[in-house]
Amino acid sequence: MSPMQELRIEDFQENPFRLIGQQWMLITAGTREKFNTMTASWGGLGVLWDRHVCFAFVRPSRYTFEFLEKSAGFTLCFFDESWRDKLMFCGSNSGRNVDKVKKTGLSPVTTKGGNVWFEQARLMIECRKIAFTDLDPKHFLDPTIRQFYEGPDYHRIYIGEIERILSR
């Protein structure tokens, strides 16, 4: 495996629609001693308040939510296609019930800022939480959005300022 290289945000060339929506990502929060990760295919990258940011959507029922609430930052990790089954496992099993690292063979490492990411990732985006907001179904202008919710478990949107990008 080739070493990770720090990438300037201005040099980031990935298509965020393909990256997040099709390739998926692991959102990880917590400390090296206690963390959780979850698969996500909803999110975004962009500019807000003159900062480079990501938008991560997490339901309060997800175990990772607890770690995001307590953490100052989080990581987004992207993998090559050979990891698809492991990402599916992380998205369909709760860290409350299973050790995702043991079951998938992921190797957690810690950033200089103390955030957890995975050595096998081909791309890692480290973020510092700067804001959050909760989705309110009263604000859904398109009624078809409701199909994504069976109950009142509406996503919290975490806005993270991108502090570092590592890429292979």
N, C-alpha and C. Protein backbone atom coordinates (compact mmCIF):
# COMPACT_ATOMS: atom_id res chain seq x y z
N MET A 1 0.85 -1.18 0.00
CA MET A 1 0.00 0.00 0.00
C MET A 1 0.90 1.24 0.00
N SER A 2 0.62 2.15 -0.91
CA SER A 2 1.42 3.37 -0.99
C SER A 2 1.11 4.28 0.20
N PRO A 3 2.08 5.09 0.61
CA PRO A 3 1.85 5.98 1.76
C PRO A 3 0.87 7.10 1.43
N MET A 4 0.23 7.60 2.46
CA MET A 4 -0.68 8.73 2.30
C MET A 4 0.14 10.01 2.17
N GLN A 5 -0.36 10.90 1.32
CA GLN A 5 0.25 12.20 1.12
C GLN A 5 -0.78 13.26 1.48
N GLU A 6 -0.33 14.31 2.15
CA GLU A 6 -1.25 15.41 2.45
C GLU A 6 -1.56 16.15 1.16
N LEU A 7 -2.82 16.46 0.99
CA LEU A 7 -3.30 17.11 -0.23
C LEU A 7 -3.85 18.48 0.14
N ARG A 8 -3.42 19.49 -0.58
CA ARG A 8 -3.99 20.82 -0.37
C ARG A 8 -5.44 20.80 -0.83
N ILE A 9 -6.31 21.47 -0.10
CA ILE A 9 -7.72 21.50 -0.45
C ILE A 9 -7.91 22.00 -1.88
N GLU A 10 -7.12 22.96 -2.29
CA GLU A 10 -7.23 23.53 -3.63
C GLU A 10 -6.88 22.50 -4.71
N ASP A 11 -6.16 21.43 -4.35
CA ASP A 11 -5.76 20.40 -5.31
C ASP A 11 -6.69 19.19 -5.29
N PHE A 12 -7.71 19.22 -4.49
CA PHE A 12 -8.67 18.11 -4.38
C PHE A 12 -9.43 17.99 -5.70
N GLN A 13 -9.39 16.83 -6.33
CA GLN A 13 -9.98 16.64 -7.66
C GLN A 13 -11.14 15.66 -7.70
N GLU A 14 -11.50 15.05 -6.59
CA GLU A 14 -12.54 14.02 -6.56
C GLU A 14 -13.93 14.61 -6.85
N ASN A 15 -14.76 13.83 -7.50
CA ASN A 15 -16.15 14.21 -7.74
C ASN A 15 -16.95 13.85 -6.48
N PRO A 16 -17.46 14.82 -5.74
CA PRO A 16 -18.14 14.50 -4.47
C PRO A 16 -19.42 13.69 -4.66
N PHE A 17 -20.07 13.80 -5.80
CA PHE A 17 -21.29 13.02 -6.04
C PHE A 17 -20.97 11.54 -6.16
N ARG A 18 -19.92 11.24 -6.90
CA ARG A 18 -19.48 9.85 -7.04
C ARG A 18 -18.85 9.36 -5.73
N LEU A 19 -18.02 10.20 -5.15
CA LEU A 19 -17.28 9.84 -3.94
C LEU A 19 -18.21 9.45 -2.79
N ILE A 20 -19.19 10.29 -2.50
CA ILE A 20 -20.08 10.05 -1.36
C ILE A 20 -21.27 9.19 -1.76
N GLY A 21 -21.93 9.55 -2.84
CA GLY A 21 -23.16 8.87 -3.21
C GLY A 21 -22.99 7.47 -3.77
N GLN A 22 -21.88 7.20 -4.44
CA GLN A 22 -21.69 5.89 -5.06
C GLN A 22 -20.62 5.05 -4.38
N GLN A 23 -19.53 5.68 -3.96
CA GLN A 23 -18.44 4.92 -3.35
C GLN A 23 -18.63 4.76 -1.85
N TRP A 24 -19.41 5.62 -1.25
CA TRP A 24 -19.69 5.63 0.18
C TRP A 24 -18.47 6.05 1.00
N MET A 25 -18.70 6.25 2.29
CA MET A 25 -17.63 6.66 3.19
C MET A 25 -17.90 6.10 4.57
N LEU A 26 -16.87 6.08 5.38
CA LEU A 26 -17.02 5.79 6.80
C LEU A 26 -16.87 7.09 7.55
N ILE A 27 -17.87 7.41 8.37
CA ILE A 27 -17.79 8.54 9.28
C ILE A 27 -17.35 7.97 10.62
N THR A 28 -16.28 8.51 11.17
CA THR A 28 -15.73 7.97 12.41
C THR A 28 -15.52 9.09 13.41
N ALA A 29 -15.91 8.83 14.65
CA ALA A 29 -15.71 9.81 15.73
C ALA A 29 -15.38 9.07 17.02
N GLY A 30 -14.69 9.76 17.90
CA GLY A 30 -14.31 9.19 19.19
C GLY A 30 -12.80 9.25 19.36
N THR A 31 -12.32 8.52 20.35
CA THR A 31 -10.89 8.46 20.63
C THR A 31 -10.35 7.10 20.23
N ARG A 32 -9.07 6.96 20.18
CA ARG A 32 -8.46 5.67 19.81
C ARG A 32 -8.93 4.57 20.77
N GLU A 33 -9.18 4.92 22.02
CA GLU A 33 -9.62 3.95 23.01
C GLU A 33 -11.09 3.57 22.83
N LYS A 34 -11.91 4.50 22.37
CA LYS A 34 -13.34 4.24 22.22
C LYS A 34 -13.90 5.12 21.10
N PHE A 35 -14.26 4.47 20.01
CA PHE A 35 -14.77 5.19 18.84
C PHE A 35 -15.81 4.31 18.16
N ASN A 36 -16.50 4.89 17.20
CA ASN A 36 -17.37 4.11 16.34
C ASN A 36 -17.32 4.69 14.93
N THR A 37 -17.64 3.84 14.00
CA THR A 37 -17.66 4.22 12.59
C THR A 37 -18.95 3.72 11.96
N MET A 38 -19.42 4.43 10.96
CA MET A 38 -20.63 4.02 10.24
C MET A 38 -20.48 4.37 8.77
N THR A 39 -21.12 3.60 7.94
CA THR A 39 -21.13 3.86 6.51
C THR A 39 -22.17 4.92 6.20
N ALA A 40 -21.82 5.80 5.28
CA ALA A 40 -22.77 6.84 4.87
C ALA A 40 -22.66 7.06 3.36
N SER A 41 -23.80 7.35 2.76
CA SER A 41 -23.82 7.70 1.35
C SER A 41 -24.55 9.03 1.14
N TRP A 42 -24.81 9.72 2.23
CA TRP A 42 -25.38 11.06 2.19
C TRP A 42 -24.36 12.01 2.78
N GLY A 43 -24.20 13.15 2.18
CA GLY A 43 -23.27 14.13 2.69
C GLY A 43 -22.89 15.10 1.60
N GLY A 44 -21.95 15.93 1.89
CA GLY A 44 -21.53 16.90 0.91
C GLY A 44 -20.22 17.57 1.27
N LEU A 45 -19.64 18.19 0.28
CA LEU A 45 -18.42 18.98 0.43
C LEU A 45 -18.68 20.32 -0.22
N GLY A 46 -18.19 21.39 0.37
CA GLY A 46 -18.43 22.69 -0.23
C GLY A 46 -17.79 23.81 0.55
N VAL A 47 -18.35 24.99 0.37
CA VAL A 47 -17.85 26.19 1.02
C VAL A 47 -19.00 26.83 1.78
N LEU A 48 -18.75 27.15 3.04
CA LEU A 48 -19.74 27.81 3.88
C LEU A 48 -18.99 28.72 4.85
N TRP A 49 -19.47 29.93 5.01
CA TRP A 49 -18.85 30.89 5.92
C TRP A 49 -17.36 31.10 5.59
N ASP A 50 -17.04 31.12 4.30
CA ASP A 50 -15.67 31.30 3.81
C ASP A 50 -14.73 30.18 4.26
N ARG A 51 -15.28 29.01 4.50
CA ARG A 51 -14.48 27.86 4.93
C ARG A 51 -14.78 26.66 4.04
N HIS A 52 -13.81 25.78 3.90
CA HIS A 52 -14.02 24.51 3.21
C HIS A 52 -14.63 23.56 4.22
N VAL A 53 -15.80 23.02 3.88
CA VAL A 53 -16.54 22.22 4.85
C VAL A 53 -17.05 20.92 4.25
N CYS A 54 -17.45 20.03 5.16
CA CYS A 54 -18.20 18.85 4.77
C CYS A 54 -19.51 18.88 5.55
N PHE A 55 -20.48 18.17 5.02
CA PHE A 55 -21.78 18.02 5.66
C PHE A 55 -21.99 16.53 5.88
N ALA A 56 -22.13 16.12 7.11
CA ALA A 56 -22.33 14.70 7.45
C ALA A 56 -23.69 14.56 8.11
N PHE A 57 -24.47 13.61 7.64
CA PHE A 57 -25.83 13.39 8.11
C PHE A 57 -25.87 12.12 8.95
N VAL A 58 -26.29 12.24 10.21
CA VAL A 58 -26.33 11.08 11.11
C VAL A 58 -27.62 11.12 11.92
N ARG A 59 -28.30 9.99 11.96
CA ARG A 59 -29.53 9.88 12.75
C ARG A 59 -29.18 9.73 14.24
N PRO A 60 -29.98 10.30 15.13
CA PRO A 60 -29.72 10.15 16.57
C PRO A 60 -29.73 8.71 17.05
N SER A 61 -30.40 7.81 16.35
CA SER A 61 -30.44 6.41 16.75
C SER A 61 -29.14 5.67 16.48
N ARG A 62 -28.27 6.24 15.66
CA ARG A 62 -27.03 5.56 15.31
C ARG A 62 -26.02 5.69 16.45
N TYR A 63 -25.28 4.62 16.69
CA TYR A 63 -24.28 4.61 17.75
C TYR A 63 -23.22 5.69 17.52
N THR A 64 -22.86 5.92 16.28
CA THR A 64 -21.86 6.93 15.96
C THR A 64 -22.30 8.32 16.41
N PHE A 65 -23.61 8.55 16.45
CA PHE A 65 -24.15 9.84 16.89
C PHE A 65 -23.61 10.21 18.28
N GLU A 66 -23.59 9.24 19.19
CA GLU A 66 -23.09 9.49 20.56
C GLU A 66 -21.66 9.99 20.53
N PHE A 67 -20.84 9.42 19.66
CA PHE A 67 -19.44 9.81 19.59
C PHE A 67 -19.28 11.17 18.92
N LEU A 68 -20.09 11.43 17.90
CA LEU A 68 -20.04 12.75 17.26
C LEU A 68 -20.44 13.85 18.23
N GLU A 69 -21.41 13.58 19.07
CA GLU A 69 -21.85 14.57 20.05
C GLU A 69 -20.74 14.95 21.03
N LYS A 70 -19.90 13.99 21.38
CA LYS A 70 -18.84 14.21 22.37
C LYS A 70 -17.52 14.67 21.77
N SER A 71 -17.34 14.48 20.47
CA SER A 71 -16.06 14.75 19.83
C SER A 71 -15.99 16.15 19.24
N ALA A 72 -14.78 16.68 19.23
CA ALA A 72 -14.55 17.99 18.60
C ALA A 72 -14.39 17.84 17.09
N GLY A 73 -14.08 16.63 16.65
CA GLY A 73 -13.87 16.41 15.23
C GLY A 73 -14.27 15.02 14.81
N PHE A 74 -14.09 14.74 13.53
CA PHE A 74 -14.41 13.42 12.98
C PHE A 74 -13.66 13.26 11.67
N THR A 75 -13.65 12.04 11.15
CA THR A 75 -13.03 11.79 9.86
C THR A 75 -14.02 11.16 8.90
N LEU A 76 -13.75 11.37 7.63
CA LEU A 76 -14.46 10.71 6.54
C LEU A 76 -13.41 9.90 5.79
N CYS A 77 -13.64 8.60 5.67
CA CYS A 77 -12.68 7.74 4.98
C CYS A 77 -13.34 7.10 3.77
N PHE A 78 -12.59 7.05 2.68
CA PHE A 78 -13.05 6.48 1.42
C PHE A 78 -12.09 5.37 1.02
N PHE A 79 -12.64 4.31 0.43
CA PHE A 79 -11.88 3.10 0.14
C PHE A 79 -12.04 2.72 -1.32
N ASP A 80 -11.14 1.85 -1.79
CA ASP A 80 -11.35 1.34 -3.15
C ASP A 80 -12.44 0.27 -3.11
N GLU A 81 -12.87 -0.14 -4.27
CA GLU A 81 -14.04 -1.02 -4.41
C GLU A 81 -13.87 -2.35 -3.69
N SER A 82 -12.64 -2.81 -3.48
CA SER A 82 -12.43 -4.10 -2.80
C SER A 82 -12.92 -4.09 -1.35
N TRP A 83 -13.20 -2.92 -0.82
CA TRP A 83 -13.68 -2.79 0.56
C TRP A 83 -15.20 -2.66 0.65
N ARG A 84 -15.91 -2.76 -0.47
CA ARG A 84 -17.36 -2.54 -0.50
C ARG A 84 -18.09 -3.43 0.51
N ASP A 85 -17.76 -4.72 0.58
CA ASP A 85 -18.46 -5.61 1.51
C ASP A 85 -18.22 -5.22 2.96
N LYS A 86 -17.05 -4.70 3.26
CA LYS A 86 -16.74 -4.25 4.63
C LYS A 86 -17.53 -2.98 4.97
N LEU A 87 -17.69 -2.10 3.97
CA LEU A 87 -18.49 -0.90 4.18
C LEU A 87 -19.96 -1.28 4.38
N MET A 88 -20.42 -2.27 3.64
CA MET A 88 -21.80 -2.74 3.81
C MET A 88 -21.99 -3.29 5.23
N PHE A 89 -20.99 -4.03 5.71
CA PHE A 89 -21.06 -4.57 7.07
C PHE A 89 -21.14 -3.43 8.09
N CYS A 90 -20.29 -2.42 7.94
CA CYS A 90 -20.27 -1.30 8.88
C CYS A 90 -21.56 -0.49 8.83
N GLY A 91 -22.26 -0.53 7.71
CA GLY A 91 -23.51 0.20 7.58
C GLY A 91 -24.73 -0.57 8.04
N SER A 92 -24.59 -1.88 8.18
CA SER A 92 -25.75 -2.70 8.55
C SER A 92 -25.61 -3.36 9.92
N ASN A 93 -24.53 -3.05 10.63
CA ASN A 93 -24.32 -3.59 11.97
C ASN A 93 -23.95 -2.47 12.92
N SER A 94 -24.50 -2.51 14.11
CA SER A 94 -24.23 -1.46 15.09
C SER A 94 -22.99 -1.78 15.91
N GLY A 95 -22.20 -0.77 16.15
CA GLY A 95 -21.04 -0.90 17.03
C GLY A 95 -21.45 -1.18 18.47
N ARG A 96 -22.72 -1.02 18.79
CA ARG A 96 -23.20 -1.39 20.13
C ARG A 96 -23.15 -2.90 20.32
N ASN A 97 -23.31 -3.63 19.19
CA ASN A 97 -23.45 -5.08 19.25
C ASN A 97 -22.28 -5.86 18.70
N VAL A 98 -21.44 -5.24 17.91
CA VAL A 98 -20.36 -5.96 17.25
C VAL A 98 -19.13 -5.07 17.14
N ASP A 99 -17.96 -5.68 17.21
CA ASP A 99 -16.69 -4.97 17.04
C ASP A 99 -16.41 -4.89 15.53
N LYS A 100 -16.70 -3.77 14.94
CA LYS A 100 -16.56 -3.61 13.49
C LYS A 100 -15.11 -3.75 13.04
N VAL A 101 -14.17 -3.31 13.85
CA VAL A 101 -12.76 -3.41 13.50
C VAL A 101 -12.36 -4.88 13.40
N LYS A 102 -12.72 -5.68 14.39
CA LYS A 102 -12.39 -7.11 14.35
C LYS A 102 -13.06 -7.81 13.19
N LYS A 103 -14.32 -7.51 12.94
CA LYS A 103 -15.08 -8.20 11.90
C LYS A 103 -14.64 -7.82 10.48
N THR A 104 -14.10 -6.62 10.31
CA THR A 104 -13.76 -6.16 8.96
C THR A 104 -12.26 -6.16 8.66
N GLY A 105 -11.43 -6.19 9.71
CA GLY A 105 -10.00 -6.11 9.49
C GLY A 105 -9.49 -4.69 9.30
N LEU A 106 -10.34 -3.71 9.56
CA LEU A 106 -9.91 -2.32 9.47
C LEU A 106 -8.85 -2.05 10.54
N SER A 107 -7.87 -1.20 10.21
CA SER A 107 -6.79 -0.86 11.13
C SER A 107 -6.91 0.61 11.52
N PRO A 108 -7.42 0.89 12.73
CA PRO A 108 -7.56 2.30 13.14
C PRO A 108 -6.21 2.94 13.44
N VAL A 109 -6.09 4.17 13.02
CA VAL A 109 -4.93 5.01 13.34
C VAL A 109 -5.47 6.36 13.79
N THR A 110 -4.64 7.13 14.44
CA THR A 110 -5.07 8.41 15.00
C THR A 110 -4.34 9.56 14.32
N THR A 111 -5.07 10.61 14.02
CA THR A 111 -4.47 11.80 13.44
C THR A 111 -3.72 12.57 14.52
N LYS A 112 -2.96 13.56 14.10
CA LYS A 112 -2.29 14.45 15.07
C LYS A 112 -3.31 15.14 15.97
N GLY A 113 -4.51 15.38 15.44
CA GLY A 113 -5.57 16.02 16.20
C GLY A 113 -6.35 15.07 17.09
N GLY A 114 -6.00 13.78 17.07
CA GLY A 114 -6.67 12.80 17.93
C GLY A 114 -7.88 12.12 17.32
N ASN A 115 -8.18 12.37 16.05
CA ASN A 115 -9.31 11.73 15.39
C ASN A 115 -8.90 10.38 14.82
N VAL A 116 -9.83 9.46 14.77
CA VAL A 116 -9.56 8.11 14.29
C VAL A 116 -9.92 7.99 12.82
N TRP A 117 -9.05 7.31 12.08
CA TRP A 117 -9.32 6.97 10.68
C TRP A 117 -8.74 5.59 10.44
N PHE A 118 -8.79 5.10 9.19
CA PHE A 118 -8.38 3.73 8.92
C PHE A 118 -7.26 3.67 7.89
N GLU A 119 -6.24 2.92 8.24
CA GLU A 119 -5.03 2.79 7.43
C GLU A 119 -5.32 2.34 5.99
N GLN A 120 -6.35 1.55 5.80
CA GLN A 120 -6.66 1.02 4.46
C GLN A 120 -7.36 2.03 3.55
N ALA A 121 -7.76 3.16 4.09
CA ALA A 121 -8.46 4.16 3.28
C ALA A 121 -7.55 4.68 2.17
N ARG A 122 -8.16 5.00 1.05
CA ARG A 122 -7.40 5.63 -0.04
C ARG A 122 -7.46 7.15 0.06
N LEU A 123 -8.44 7.63 0.86
CA LEU A 123 -8.64 9.06 1.04
C LEU A 123 -9.22 9.30 2.42
N MET A 124 -8.67 10.26 3.15
CA MET A 124 -9.18 10.60 4.48
C MET A 124 -9.33 12.11 4.56
N ILE A 125 -10.50 12.54 5.02
CA ILE A 125 -10.76 13.96 5.24
C ILE A 125 -11.00 14.15 6.73
N GLU A 126 -10.18 14.96 7.36
CA GLU A 126 -10.30 15.23 8.79
C GLU A 126 -11.01 16.56 8.98
N CYS A 127 -12.02 16.55 9.85
CA CYS A 127 -12.86 17.73 10.04
C CYS A 127 -12.98 18.11 11.51
N ARG A 128 -13.12 19.40 11.72
CA ARG A 128 -13.40 19.94 13.05
C ARG A 128 -14.85 20.40 13.04
N LYS A 129 -15.64 19.92 13.99
CA LYS A 129 -17.04 20.33 14.04
C LYS A 129 -17.13 21.83 14.30
N ILE A 130 -17.94 22.50 13.46
CA ILE A 130 -18.12 23.93 13.69
C ILE A 130 -19.59 24.30 13.87
N ALA A 131 -20.49 23.39 13.50
CA ALA A 131 -21.92 23.67 13.67
C ALA A 131 -22.71 22.39 13.44
N PHE A 132 -23.96 22.43 13.86
CA PHE A 132 -24.88 21.34 13.54
C PHE A 132 -26.28 21.92 13.48
N THR A 133 -27.15 21.20 12.82
CA THR A 133 -28.56 21.56 12.78
C THR A 133 -29.35 20.27 12.59
N ASP A 134 -30.57 20.26 13.07
CA ASP A 134 -31.42 19.09 12.95
C ASP A 134 -32.43 19.29 11.84
N LEU A 135 -32.62 18.25 11.03
CA LEU A 135 -33.66 18.30 10.01
C LEU A 135 -35.02 18.34 10.68
N ASP A 136 -35.89 19.18 10.19
CA ASP A 136 -37.23 19.31 10.72
C ASP A 136 -38.20 18.97 9.59
N PRO A 137 -39.02 17.92 9.75
CA PRO A 137 -39.91 17.51 8.67
C PRO A 137 -40.92 18.60 8.26
N LYS A 138 -41.15 19.57 9.13
CA LYS A 138 -42.04 20.67 8.77
C LYS A 138 -41.43 21.52 7.66
N HIS A 139 -40.13 21.37 7.47
CA HIS A 139 -39.44 22.16 6.45
C HIS A 139 -39.24 21.38 5.15
N PHE A 140 -39.72 20.16 5.06
CA PHE A 140 -39.62 19.38 3.81
C PHE A 140 -40.62 19.97 2.81
N LEU A 141 -40.12 20.58 1.78
CA LEU A 141 -40.97 21.18 0.76
C LEU A 141 -41.45 20.15 -0.26
N ASP A 142 -40.68 19.10 -0.44
CA ASP A 142 -41.02 18.03 -1.36
C ASP A 142 -41.53 16.85 -0.53
N PRO A 143 -42.79 16.48 -0.65
CA PRO A 143 -43.36 15.42 0.19
C PRO A 143 -42.71 14.04 -0.01
N THR A 144 -42.02 13.84 -1.13
CA THR A 144 -41.38 12.53 -1.34
C THR A 144 -40.19 12.30 -0.41
N ILE A 145 -39.69 13.34 0.22
CA ILE A 145 -38.58 13.19 1.16
C ILE A 145 -38.99 12.31 2.34
N ARG A 146 -40.25 12.37 2.72
CA ARG A 146 -40.74 11.59 3.88
C ARG A 146 -40.54 10.09 3.72
N GLN A 147 -40.39 9.62 2.50
CA GLN A 147 -40.20 8.18 2.28
C GLN A 147 -38.91 7.67 2.91
N PHE A 148 -37.99 8.54 3.24
CA PHE A 148 -36.72 8.15 3.84
C PHE A 148 -36.80 8.03 5.37
N TYR A 149 -37.98 8.29 5.92
CA TYR A 149 -38.15 8.26 7.37
C TYR A 149 -39.38 7.45 7.75
N GLU A 150 -39.17 6.42 8.57
CA GLU A 150 -40.29 5.62 9.06
C GLU A 150 -40.85 6.21 10.35
N GLY A 151 -40.02 6.89 11.08
CA GLY A 151 -40.44 7.48 12.35
C GLY A 151 -39.75 8.81 12.55
N PRO A 152 -39.70 9.27 13.78
CA PRO A 152 -39.15 10.60 14.06
C PRO A 152 -37.62 10.64 14.20
N ASP A 153 -36.91 9.74 13.54
CA ASP A 153 -35.46 9.65 13.63
C ASP A 153 -34.80 10.48 12.52
N TYR A 154 -35.04 11.81 12.58
CA TYR A 154 -34.54 12.70 11.53
C TYR A 154 -33.07 13.01 11.74
N HIS A 155 -32.35 13.14 10.66
CA HIS A 155 -30.90 13.33 10.72
C HIS A 155 -30.49 14.64 11.40
N ARG A 156 -29.36 14.59 12.04
CA ARG A 156 -28.64 15.79 12.46
C ARG A 156 -27.58 16.02 11.40
N ILE A 157 -27.43 17.24 10.97
CA ILE A 157 -26.40 17.58 9.99
C ILE A 157 -25.23 18.21 10.74
N TYR A 158 -24.09 17.55 10.67
CA TYR A 158 -22.86 18.08 11.25
C TYR A 158 -22.10 18.81 10.15
N ILE A 159 -21.69 20.01 10.46
CA ILE A 159 -20.88 20.80 9.53
C ILE A 159 -19.47 20.80 10.10
N GLY A 160 -18.55 20.26 9.32
CA GLY A 160 -17.18 20.17 9.77
C GLY A 160 -16.26 20.97 8.86
N GLU A 161 -15.40 21.78 9.46
CA GLU A 161 -14.40 22.48 8.67
C GLU A 161 -13.30 21.49 8.34
N ILE A 162 -12.98 21.39 7.06
CA ILE A 162 -11.95 20.45 6.63
C ILE A 162 -10.59 20.99 7.06
N GLU A 163 -9.91 20.19 7.89
CA GLU A 163 -8.59 20.59 8.40
C GLU A 163 -7.46 19.94 7.63
N ARG A 164 -7.74 18.72 7.11
CA ARG A 164 -6.65 18.01 6.42
C ARG A 164 -7.23 16.94 5.50
N ILE A 165 -6.57 16.76 4.38
CA ILE A 165 -6.94 15.68 3.46
C ILE A 165 -5.68 14.86 3.20
N LEU A 166 -5.82 13.55 3.38
CA LEU A 166 -4.73 12.63 3.04
C LEU A 166 -5.21 11.75 1.89
N SER A 167 -4.34 11.49 0.93
CA SER A 167 -4.72 10.72 -0.25
C SER A 167 -3.57 9.82 -0.68
N ARG A 168 -3.92 8.70 -1.31
CA ARG A 168 -2.91 7.81 -1.92
C ARG A 168 -2.78 8.13 -3.38
